[in-house]
Amino acid sequence: MKRFGAGFALSVFAGLAQAGLTGSVAAEVAPQVSARPVPRPAVSPPNEASFATEAGAFDGWITAFRPRAEAAGITPATLDAALAGAVFDADVLRRDSSQAEFTKTLWDYLDSAVSDLRVQNGRAALAEHDALLRQIEARYGVDRQVVVAIWGLESAYGTFRGTKPIIGSLATLASSSRRAAFFETQLIDALRILQNGDTSPDQMTGSWAGAMGHTQFMPGSFLALAVDWTGDGRRDIWSDDPADALASTARYLAENGWTRGQPWGVEVTLPQGFDYAQADRGIEKPLADWAALGVAPVTPVPEEAGPAALLLPAGHRGVALLVFGNFAVLERYNTADAYVIGVGHLSDRILGAEPFQGGWPQDDRALTYDERVEMQTLLQQAGFDPQGIDGRIGPKTIDAVRAWQQSTGHVPDGYASLRVLEGLR
């Protein structure tokens, strides 16, 4: 499975201006907006000049799309009702095209994702929906505070679920996006949801990328895993009642292998002279083996938590984490390390845990898309092939950075920082 590094985390407040959010609402909005729970590839800056041309071709695309949708089982009546109000939305393409340049450091991201206000509101949500969440936890075996944390990051506990018409957004992306095939599939899935009667076109709203409801399900994920918890015959993740959405999120994690009671991760301290080559997601050890190397958890972890890998999301100068199997399960919801750490840390804080004790390399900044591409290009030219020039800091790029660091006498933590780029230059 592809995995984006923390450098790929999106801007905390990308899109707030377009959404018209200010003040206290903006302070508690979801810190990144994406087509969850599927990964988003890096993209180049927007091509404003093409939008007018694409808008002019939209009606023709709709006409050509209808037979394909009917062949997929969508009835003419469903298409008439759903597409009647669908219009080309240049703002959707603008946001899709510009996401790669909206970057923040992990620590800036966490300042919003795990803010005091979000923690406070998470504790209130956990208490308010205690009976419901305990029932969901008992049914699916997913720790309730993790479900609440996802809710908090995706929609600020239901206060900002997105206002874009899903059919129009997906049709725009399917007609003009570089990921047209993916979005056409999602559009057909959205039409199936309408045809099944789970909601109506006017109620089917969400993010610009087609993610919907309290916990931002894409249509395909909804069809596969959403549940009717309330028993009213509809899987309604859009209504003010969050029950269906929270249960659907728990089922999503359960189906992807969640282990109840296992930590997602735990902060650790590392000894002097530690071998940073051990900080590799592919290297898993029992807790006793890590302890023998001097790796010490900041808070107690039961041995039965299972094997763990060492993650340095901000390099050797930042917080160090041992991550367990549930970390990979959260990656199935969103592949960005920053998001997974945000969910995990928020879930811990909701239960009363302290903030991370380690520091961050505050003098660092996030790399831009162009800089990430440049780094990969220079690594390849130097003989350390990242196996792709795409602007994404994934495992192969991390391995290439680590190999370059080892060859040049730097600490081999695999952290794709501005310092590494300057060294390559």
Protein backbone atom coordinates (compact mmCIF):
# COMPACT_ATOMS: atom_id res chain seq x y z
CA MET A 1 0.00 0.00 0.00
CA LYS A 2 1.30 3.47 -0.83
CA ARG A 3 2.15 5.61 2.15
CA PHE A 4 2.76 9.35 2.20
CA GLY A 5 5.31 10.75 4.62
CA ALA A 6 4.66 13.58 7.03
CA GLY A 7 6.05 16.03 4.49
CA PHE A 8 2.97 15.33 2.38
CA ALA A 9 0.54 16.57 5.05
CA LEU A 10 -1.70 19.28 3.70
CA SER A 11 -2.20 22.79 4.98
CA VAL A 12 -4.12 23.02 8.22
CA PHE A 13 -6.38 25.71 6.87
CA ALA A 14 -6.31 25.08 3.12
CA GLY A 15 -9.61 26.13 1.66
CA LEU A 16 -10.97 28.04 4.66
CA ALA A 17 -11.14 31.29 2.78
CA GLN A 18 -13.14 29.72 -0.03
CA ALA A 19 -15.44 28.12 2.52
CA GLY A 20 -16.03 31.44 4.21
CA LEU A 21 -14.99 30.18 7.63
CA THR A 22 -13.56 32.57 10.18
CA GLY A 23 -13.25 32.95 13.92
CA SER A 24 -14.07 30.10 16.29
CA VAL A 25 -15.52 27.86 13.58
CA ALA A 26 -12.32 28.09 11.53
CA ALA A 27 -10.25 27.31 14.58
CA GLU A 28 -11.94 23.95 14.94
CA VAL A 29 -12.42 22.92 11.30
CA ALA A 30 -10.89 19.67 10.05
CA PRO A 31 -7.17 20.42 9.68
CA GLN A 32 -7.00 18.92 6.19
CA VAL A 33 -9.64 18.27 3.60
CA SER A 34 -9.16 15.25 1.38
CA ALA A 35 -10.88 12.44 -0.46
CA ARG A 36 -10.74 10.10 2.47
CA PRO A 37 -10.34 7.28 3.01
CA VAL A 38 -8.38 6.94 -0.25
CA PRO A 39 -4.92 8.37 -0.99
CA ARG A 40 -4.52 11.50 -3.09
CA PRO A 41 -1.56 11.67 -5.47
CA ALA A 42 0.53 14.80 -5.66
CA VAL A 43 -0.52 17.21 -8.40
CA SER A 44 0.91 20.22 -10.15
CA PRO A 45 -0.31 23.83 -9.68
CA PRO A 46 -3.68 24.86 -11.15
CA ASN A 47 -4.10 25.63 -14.84
CA GLU A 48 -6.57 28.49 -14.65
CA ALA A 49 -6.54 29.05 -18.41
CA SER A 50 -8.02 25.61 -19.06
CA PHE A 51 -11.02 26.00 -16.74
CA ALA A 52 -13.13 28.00 -19.21
CA THR A 53 -12.57 25.40 -21.92
CA GLU A 54 -13.44 22.57 -19.54
CA ALA A 55 -16.59 24.38 -18.41
CA GLY A 56 -17.73 24.70 -22.01
CA ALA A 57 -17.28 20.97 -22.56
CA PHE A 58 -19.09 19.95 -19.36
CA ASP A 59 -22.58 19.55 -20.83
CA GLY A 60 -21.20 17.39 -23.60
CA TRP A 61 -19.39 15.23 -21.06
CA ILE A 62 -22.64 14.74 -19.11
CA THR A 63 -24.39 13.62 -22.30
CA ALA A 64 -21.63 11.12 -23.05
CA PHE A 65 -21.54 9.92 -19.43
CA ARG A 66 -25.21 8.96 -19.20
CA PRO A 67 -24.97 5.78 -21.33
CA ARG A 68 -21.96 4.64 -19.30
CA ALA A 69 -23.87 5.18 -16.07
CA GLU A 70 -26.93 3.33 -17.41
CA ALA A 71 -24.67 0.45 -18.45
CA ALA A 72 -23.45 0.36 -14.84
CA GLY A 73 -27.02 -0.07 -13.60
CA ILE A 74 -28.09 3.53 -12.91
CA THR A 75 -31.68 4.15 -13.96
CA PRO A 76 -32.69 7.09 -16.19
CA ALA A 77 -34.88 8.40 -13.36
CA THR A 78 -31.95 8.48 -10.95
CA LEU A 79 -29.78 10.23 -13.55
CA ASP A 80 -32.49 12.79 -14.30
CA ALA A 81 -32.91 13.66 -10.63
CA ALA A 82 -29.20 13.70 -9.79
CA LEU A 83 -27.79 15.47 -12.84
CA ALA A 84 -30.50 18.11 -13.17
CA GLY A 85 -28.68 20.41 -10.77
CA ALA A 86 -25.11 19.37 -11.59
CA VAL A 87 -22.99 22.27 -12.82
CA PHE A 88 -19.31 22.64 -13.60
CA ASP A 89 -17.44 23.96 -10.56
CA ALA A 90 -14.07 25.53 -11.33
CA ASP A 91 -13.43 25.93 -7.60
CA VAL A 92 -13.33 22.13 -7.27
CA LEU A 93 -10.60 21.87 -9.93
CA ARG A 94 -8.74 24.78 -8.41
CA ARG A 95 -8.62 23.06 -5.04
CA ASP A 96 -7.68 19.70 -6.56
CA SER A 97 -4.85 21.24 -8.55
CA SER A 98 -3.46 23.38 -5.75
CA GLN A 99 -3.33 20.86 -2.92
CA ALA A 100 0.29 19.85 -3.53
CA GLU A 101 1.54 23.34 -2.68
CA PHE A 102 -0.36 23.56 0.62
CA THR A 103 2.19 22.11 3.03
CA LYS A 104 2.90 22.52 6.70
CA THR A 105 5.34 20.91 9.04
CA LEU A 106 4.08 18.07 11.19
CA TRP A 107 4.33 20.12 14.36
CA ASP A 108 2.32 22.98 12.85
CA TYR A 109 -0.26 20.47 11.68
CA LEU A 110 -0.52 18.93 15.15
CA ASP A 111 -0.96 22.37 16.71
CA SER A 112 -4.36 22.43 15.01
CA ALA A 113 -5.17 18.72 14.82
CA VAL A 114 -4.58 18.26 18.55
CA SER A 115 -5.30 21.77 19.78
CA ASP A 116 -6.57 22.29 23.31
CA LEU A 117 -9.96 23.22 21.86
CA ARG A 118 -10.16 20.05 19.76
CA VAL A 119 -9.16 17.94 22.76
CA GLN A 120 -11.75 19.68 24.94
CA ASN A 121 -14.48 19.22 22.33
CA GLY A 122 -13.45 15.59 21.87
CA ARG A 123 -13.86 14.88 25.56
CA ALA A 124 -17.29 16.54 25.45
CA ALA A 125 -18.30 14.46 22.41
CA LEU A 126 -17.08 11.27 24.09
CA ALA A 127 -19.18 12.04 27.15
CA GLU A 128 -22.27 13.17 25.24
CA HIS A 129 -22.37 10.04 23.08
CA ASP A 130 -21.01 7.66 25.70
CA ALA A 131 -23.76 5.04 25.46
CA LEU A 132 -23.76 5.02 21.65
CA LEU A 133 -19.97 4.83 21.42
CA ARG A 134 -19.76 1.99 23.94
CA GLN A 135 -22.33 0.03 21.95
CA ILE A 136 -20.39 0.63 18.73
CA GLU A 137 -17.14 -0.36 20.45
CA ALA A 138 -18.73 -3.58 21.70
CA ARG A 139 -20.09 -4.40 18.24
CA TYR A 140 -16.96 -3.72 16.17
CA GLY A 141 -14.11 -3.96 18.66
CA VAL A 142 -12.74 -0.51 17.81
CA ASP A 143 -11.73 1.76 20.68
CA ARG A 144 -14.32 4.50 20.96
CA GLN A 145 -11.85 7.34 21.52
CA VAL A 146 -10.25 6.57 18.14
CA VAL A 147 -13.63 6.84 16.39
CA VAL A 148 -14.18 10.17 18.14
CA ALA A 149 -10.72 11.40 17.11
CA ILE A 150 -11.41 10.62 13.45
CA TRP A 151 -14.72 12.45 13.79
CA GLY A 152 -12.87 15.40 15.29
CA LEU A 153 -10.31 15.64 12.51
CA GLU A 154 -12.71 15.00 9.63
CA SER A 155 -15.53 17.38 10.51
CA ALA A 156 -14.73 19.01 13.86
CA TYR A 157 -17.23 16.62 15.53
CA GLY A 158 -19.85 17.21 12.87
CA THR A 159 -19.76 21.01 12.84
CA PHE A 160 -18.29 21.24 9.33
CA ARG A 161 -19.31 18.35 7.07
CA GLY A 162 -18.84 20.20 3.78
CA THR A 163 -21.36 22.05 1.67
CA LYS A 164 -20.39 21.12 -1.88
CA PRO A 165 -22.99 19.16 -3.91
CA ILE A 166 -21.32 15.77 -4.26
CA ILE A 167 -22.75 14.95 -7.69
CA GLY A 168 -21.60 18.25 -9.17
CA SER A 169 -18.15 18.02 -7.59
CA LEU A 170 -17.56 14.46 -8.75
CA ALA A 171 -18.90 15.20 -12.23
CA THR A 172 -16.54 18.16 -12.50
CA LEU A 173 -13.57 16.05 -11.42
CA ALA A 174 -14.59 13.15 -13.65
CA SER A 175 -14.90 15.42 -16.68
CA SER A 176 -11.66 17.36 -16.23
CA SER A 177 -9.34 15.92 -13.57
CA ARG A 178 -6.14 13.96 -14.20
CA ARG A 179 -7.84 11.31 -12.05
CA ALA A 180 -10.93 11.26 -14.27
CA ALA A 181 -11.36 7.48 -14.24
CA PHE A 182 -11.23 7.31 -10.45
CA PHE A 183 -13.75 10.12 -10.02
CA GLU A 184 -16.11 8.69 -12.63
CA THR A 185 -16.15 5.46 -10.63
CA GLN A 186 -16.91 7.46 -7.48
CA LEU A 187 -19.63 9.38 -9.31
CA ILE A 188 -21.35 6.15 -10.36
CA ASP A 189 -21.07 4.92 -6.77
CA ALA A 190 -22.65 8.18 -5.56
CA LEU A 191 -25.52 7.64 -8.00
CA ARG A 192 -25.97 4.12 -6.63
CA ILE A 193 -26.26 5.60 -3.13
CA LEU A 194 -29.05 7.88 -4.37
CA GLN A 195 -30.72 5.01 -6.20
CA ASN A 196 -30.63 2.93 -3.02
CA GLY A 197 -32.50 5.68 -1.19
CA ASP A 198 -29.90 6.42 1.51
CA THR A 199 -30.18 10.15 0.83
CA SER A 200 -31.35 12.66 -1.77
CA PRO A 201 -29.33 14.81 -4.20
CA ASP A 202 -29.94 17.98 -2.20
CA GLN A 203 -28.81 16.31 1.03
CA MET A 204 -25.75 14.65 -0.53
CA THR A 205 -23.19 17.32 0.28
CA GLY A 206 -19.59 17.15 1.43
CA SER A 207 -16.06 18.18 0.49
CA TRP A 208 -14.93 19.42 -2.91
CA ALA A 209 -13.31 16.00 -3.51
CA GLY A 210 -16.48 14.00 -2.90
CA ALA A 211 -15.93 12.96 0.73
CA MET A 212 -19.16 12.93 2.70
CA GLY A 213 -20.66 13.13 6.14
CA HIS A 214 -19.37 13.31 9.69
CA THR A 215 -16.32 11.16 8.97
CA GLN A 216 -15.87 11.94 5.26
CA PHE A 217 -16.52 8.69 3.42
CA MET A 218 -15.96 8.49 -0.32
CA PRO A 219 -18.92 6.95 -2.18
CA GLY A 220 -17.10 3.68 -2.89
CA SER A 221 -16.18 3.22 0.75
CA PHE A 222 -19.73 4.09 1.75
CA LEU A 223 -21.19 1.39 -0.48
CA ALA A 224 -18.76 -1.19 0.84
CA LEU A 225 -18.78 -0.44 4.56
CA ALA A 226 -21.39 2.08 5.70
CA VAL A 227 -24.00 0.74 8.12
CA ASP A 228 -27.56 1.60 9.15
CA TRP A 229 -26.96 1.73 12.90
CA THR A 230 -30.25 3.44 13.70
CA GLY A 231 -32.31 0.85 11.81
CA ASP A 232 -34.35 3.37 9.84
CA GLY A 233 -33.56 1.71 6.51
CA ARG A 234 -31.02 4.33 5.42
CA ARG A 235 -27.27 4.63 5.95
CA ASP A 236 -27.46 8.31 6.75
CA ILE A 237 -23.99 9.75 7.42
CA TRP A 238 -25.14 13.30 6.55
CA SER A 239 -27.78 13.99 9.21
CA ASP A 240 -27.23 15.75 12.52
CA ASP A 241 -27.45 12.36 14.23
CA PRO A 242 -23.89 10.95 13.93
CA ALA A 243 -24.79 7.35 14.81
CA ASP A 244 -24.63 5.86 11.31
CA ALA A 245 -21.40 7.72 10.52
CA LEU A 246 -19.63 6.71 13.74
CA ALA A 247 -20.67 3.08 13.39
CA SER A 248 -19.57 3.10 9.76
CA THR A 249 -16.14 4.42 10.77
CA ALA A 250 -15.76 1.71 13.39
CA ARG A 251 -16.73 -0.93 10.85
CA TYR A 252 -14.20 0.49 8.37
CA LEU A 253 -11.38 0.14 10.90
CA ALA A 254 -12.58 -3.28 12.04
CA GLU A 255 -12.69 -4.61 8.49
CA ASN A 256 -9.13 -3.37 7.99
CA GLY A 257 -7.82 -5.29 11.00
CA TRP A 258 -8.12 -3.06 14.07
CA THR A 259 -6.95 -4.70 17.32
CA ARG A 260 -8.96 -3.46 20.29
CA GLY A 261 -6.82 -2.14 23.13
CA GLN A 262 -3.59 -2.10 21.12
CA PRO A 263 -1.86 1.29 21.03
CA TRP A 264 -1.54 3.02 17.68
CA GLY A 265 1.87 4.17 18.87
CA VAL A 266 3.76 5.46 21.88
CA GLU A 267 6.37 8.17 22.29
CA VAL A 268 9.84 6.89 23.18
CA THR A 269 13.26 8.25 24.06
CA LEU A 270 16.40 7.03 22.33
CA PRO A 271 19.83 6.51 23.87
CA GLN A 272 23.04 8.28 22.94
CA GLY A 273 24.70 6.65 19.96
CA PHE A 274 21.49 5.00 18.76
CA ASP A 275 21.66 3.29 15.36
CA TYR A 276 19.17 5.37 13.38
CA ALA A 277 19.13 2.80 10.59
CA GLN A 278 16.75 0.93 12.92
CA ALA A 279 14.15 3.66 12.36
CA ASP A 280 12.52 1.85 9.47
CA ARG A 281 8.88 0.81 9.16
CA GLY A 282 10.07 -2.47 7.72
CA ILE A 283 11.92 -3.35 10.94
CA GLU A 284 9.57 -4.61 13.65
CA LYS A 285 10.72 -5.89 17.04
CA PRO A 286 9.09 -7.00 20.30
CA LEU A 287 9.13 -4.35 23.02
CA ALA A 288 11.78 -6.31 24.91
CA ASP A 289 14.13 -6.11 21.94
CA TRP A 290 13.66 -2.36 21.66
CA ALA A 291 14.27 -2.02 25.39
CA ALA A 292 17.54 -3.94 24.98
CA LEU A 293 18.61 -1.24 22.49
CA GLY A 294 17.81 1.49 25.02
CA VAL A 295 14.50 2.54 23.49
CA ALA A 296 12.30 3.62 26.41
CA PRO A 297 8.54 4.36 26.16
CA VAL A 298 7.50 7.65 27.80
CA THR A 299 4.38 5.91 29.13
CA PRO A 300 3.98 2.22 30.05
CA VAL A 301 3.08 -0.20 27.26
CA PRO A 302 1.99 -3.79 27.93
CA GLU A 303 4.20 -6.44 26.33
CA GLU A 304 1.14 -7.99 24.71
CA ALA A 305 0.82 -4.87 22.54
CA GLY A 306 2.83 -6.82 19.97
CA PRO A 307 5.79 -5.94 17.77
CA ALA A 308 6.47 -2.34 16.87
CA ALA A 309 8.52 -0.30 14.41
CA LEU A 310 10.41 2.91 15.16
CA LEU A 311 9.13 6.02 13.38
CA LEU A 312 10.93 9.38 13.32
CA PRO A 313 8.34 11.60 11.59
CA ALA A 314 10.55 14.70 11.91
CA GLY A 315 13.95 13.04 11.86
CA HIS A 316 16.32 12.48 14.76
CA ARG A 317 15.70 15.98 16.12
CA GLY A 318 11.96 15.37 16.58
CA VAL A 319 9.60 13.15 18.52
CA ALA A 320 10.35 9.41 18.25
CA LEU A 321 7.52 6.88 18.17
CA LEU A 322 7.12 3.13 18.37
CA VAL A 323 4.14 2.30 16.14
CA PHE A 324 2.07 -0.87 16.30
CA GLY A 325 -0.26 -2.72 13.97
CA ASN A 326 -3.12 -0.25 14.51
CA PHE A 327 -0.98 2.50 12.97
CA ALA A 328 -1.18 0.64 9.65
CA VAL A 329 -4.95 0.26 10.08
CA LEU A 330 -5.32 4.04 10.44
CA GLU A 331 -3.23 4.41 7.30
CA ARG A 332 -6.01 2.64 5.46
CA TYR A 333 -8.22 5.61 6.36
CA ASN A 334 -5.62 8.18 5.32
CA THR A 335 -2.10 7.34 4.23
CA ALA A 336 -0.37 10.50 5.49
CA ASP A 337 1.78 9.92 8.59
CA ALA A 338 0.72 13.35 9.87
CA TYR A 339 -2.94 12.38 9.77
CA VAL A 340 -2.38 9.03 11.51
CA ILE A 341 -0.27 10.64 14.23
CA GLY A 342 -2.92 13.36 14.58
CA VAL A 343 -5.71 10.83 15.05
CA GLY A 344 -3.68 8.68 17.41
CA HIS A 345 -2.40 11.53 19.55
CA LEU A 346 -5.83 13.20 19.68
CA SER A 347 -7.41 9.92 20.80
CA ASP A 348 -4.82 9.64 23.58
CA ARG A 349 -5.30 13.25 24.66
CA ILE A 350 -9.09 12.80 24.75
CA LEU A 351 -8.50 10.08 27.35
CA GLY A 352 -6.27 12.38 29.40
CA ALA A 353 -2.76 11.72 28.09
CA GLU A 354 -0.15 14.48 28.11
CA PRO A 355 1.15 16.21 24.95
CA PHE A 356 4.27 14.83 23.30
CA GLN A 357 7.27 15.33 25.56
CA GLY A 358 9.95 15.55 22.87
CA GLY A 359 10.74 18.60 20.80
CA TRP A 360 10.53 19.39 17.12
CA PRO A 361 13.08 20.89 14.68
CA GLN A 362 11.39 24.28 14.76
CA ASP A 363 13.99 25.79 12.45
CA ASP A 364 12.86 23.46 9.67
CA ARG A 365 10.10 24.15 7.19
CA ALA A 366 8.08 21.89 4.94
CA LEU A 367 9.32 21.31 1.40
CA THR A 368 7.21 22.61 -1.45
CA TYR A 369 6.04 20.29 -4.20
CA ASP A 370 8.77 21.58 -6.55
CA GLU A 371 11.40 21.02 -3.86
CA ARG A 372 10.23 17.46 -3.26
CA VAL A 373 10.48 16.77 -6.99
CA GLU A 374 13.94 18.38 -7.04
CA MET A 375 15.07 16.22 -4.11
CA GLN A 376 13.95 13.04 -5.82
CA THR A 377 15.65 14.11 -9.05
CA LEU A 378 18.94 14.88 -7.28
CA LEU A 379 18.79 11.61 -5.34
CA GLN A 380 18.35 9.72 -8.58
CA GLN A 381 21.21 11.58 -10.22
CA ALA A 382 23.44 10.84 -7.22
CA GLY A 383 22.77 7.11 -7.54
CA PHE A 384 20.11 6.80 -4.83
CA ASP A 385 17.01 5.98 -6.85
CA PRO A 386 13.71 6.90 -5.12
CA GLN A 387 11.93 4.84 -7.80
CA GLY A 388 9.71 7.66 -8.93
CA ILE A 389 9.79 11.43 -9.40
CA ASP A 390 6.33 12.36 -8.14
CA GLY A 391 6.76 14.82 -5.29
CA ARG A 392 5.60 12.29 -2.70
CA ILE A 393 7.81 11.43 0.25
CA GLY A 394 7.00 7.74 0.55
CA PRO A 395 8.99 4.71 1.75
CA LYS A 396 11.17 4.51 -1.38
CA THR A 397 12.19 8.16 -1.13
CA ILE A 398 12.85 7.75 2.60
CA ASP A 399 15.08 4.74 1.83
CA ALA A 400 16.94 6.76 -0.81
CA VAL A 401 17.44 9.66 1.61
CA ARG A 402 18.74 7.26 4.27
CA ALA A 403 21.19 5.70 1.82
CA TRP A 404 22.46 9.15 0.81
CA GLN A 405 22.81 10.14 4.47
CA GLN A 406 24.80 7.00 5.23
CA SER A 407 27.11 7.58 2.29
CA THR A 408 27.81 11.19 3.28
CA GLY A 409 28.25 10.77 7.04
CA HIS A 410 24.93 12.31 8.07
CA VAL A 411 22.59 10.82 10.68
CA PRO A 412 20.67 8.19 8.64
CA ASP A 413 17.17 8.99 9.88
CA GLY A 414 15.60 9.08 6.41
CA TYR A 415 14.05 12.50 7.05
CA ALA A 416 13.52 14.37 3.78
CA SER A 417 14.33 17.83 5.10
CA LEU A 418 15.47 21.12 3.61
CA ARG A 419 18.93 20.30 5.02
CA VAL A 420 19.03 17.14 2.90
CA LEU A 421 17.95 19.06 -0.19
CA GLU A 422 20.63 21.67 0.39
CA GLY A 423 23.21 18.93 0.84
CA LEU A 424 22.15 17.30 -2.41
CA ARG A 425 22.39 20.63 -4.19
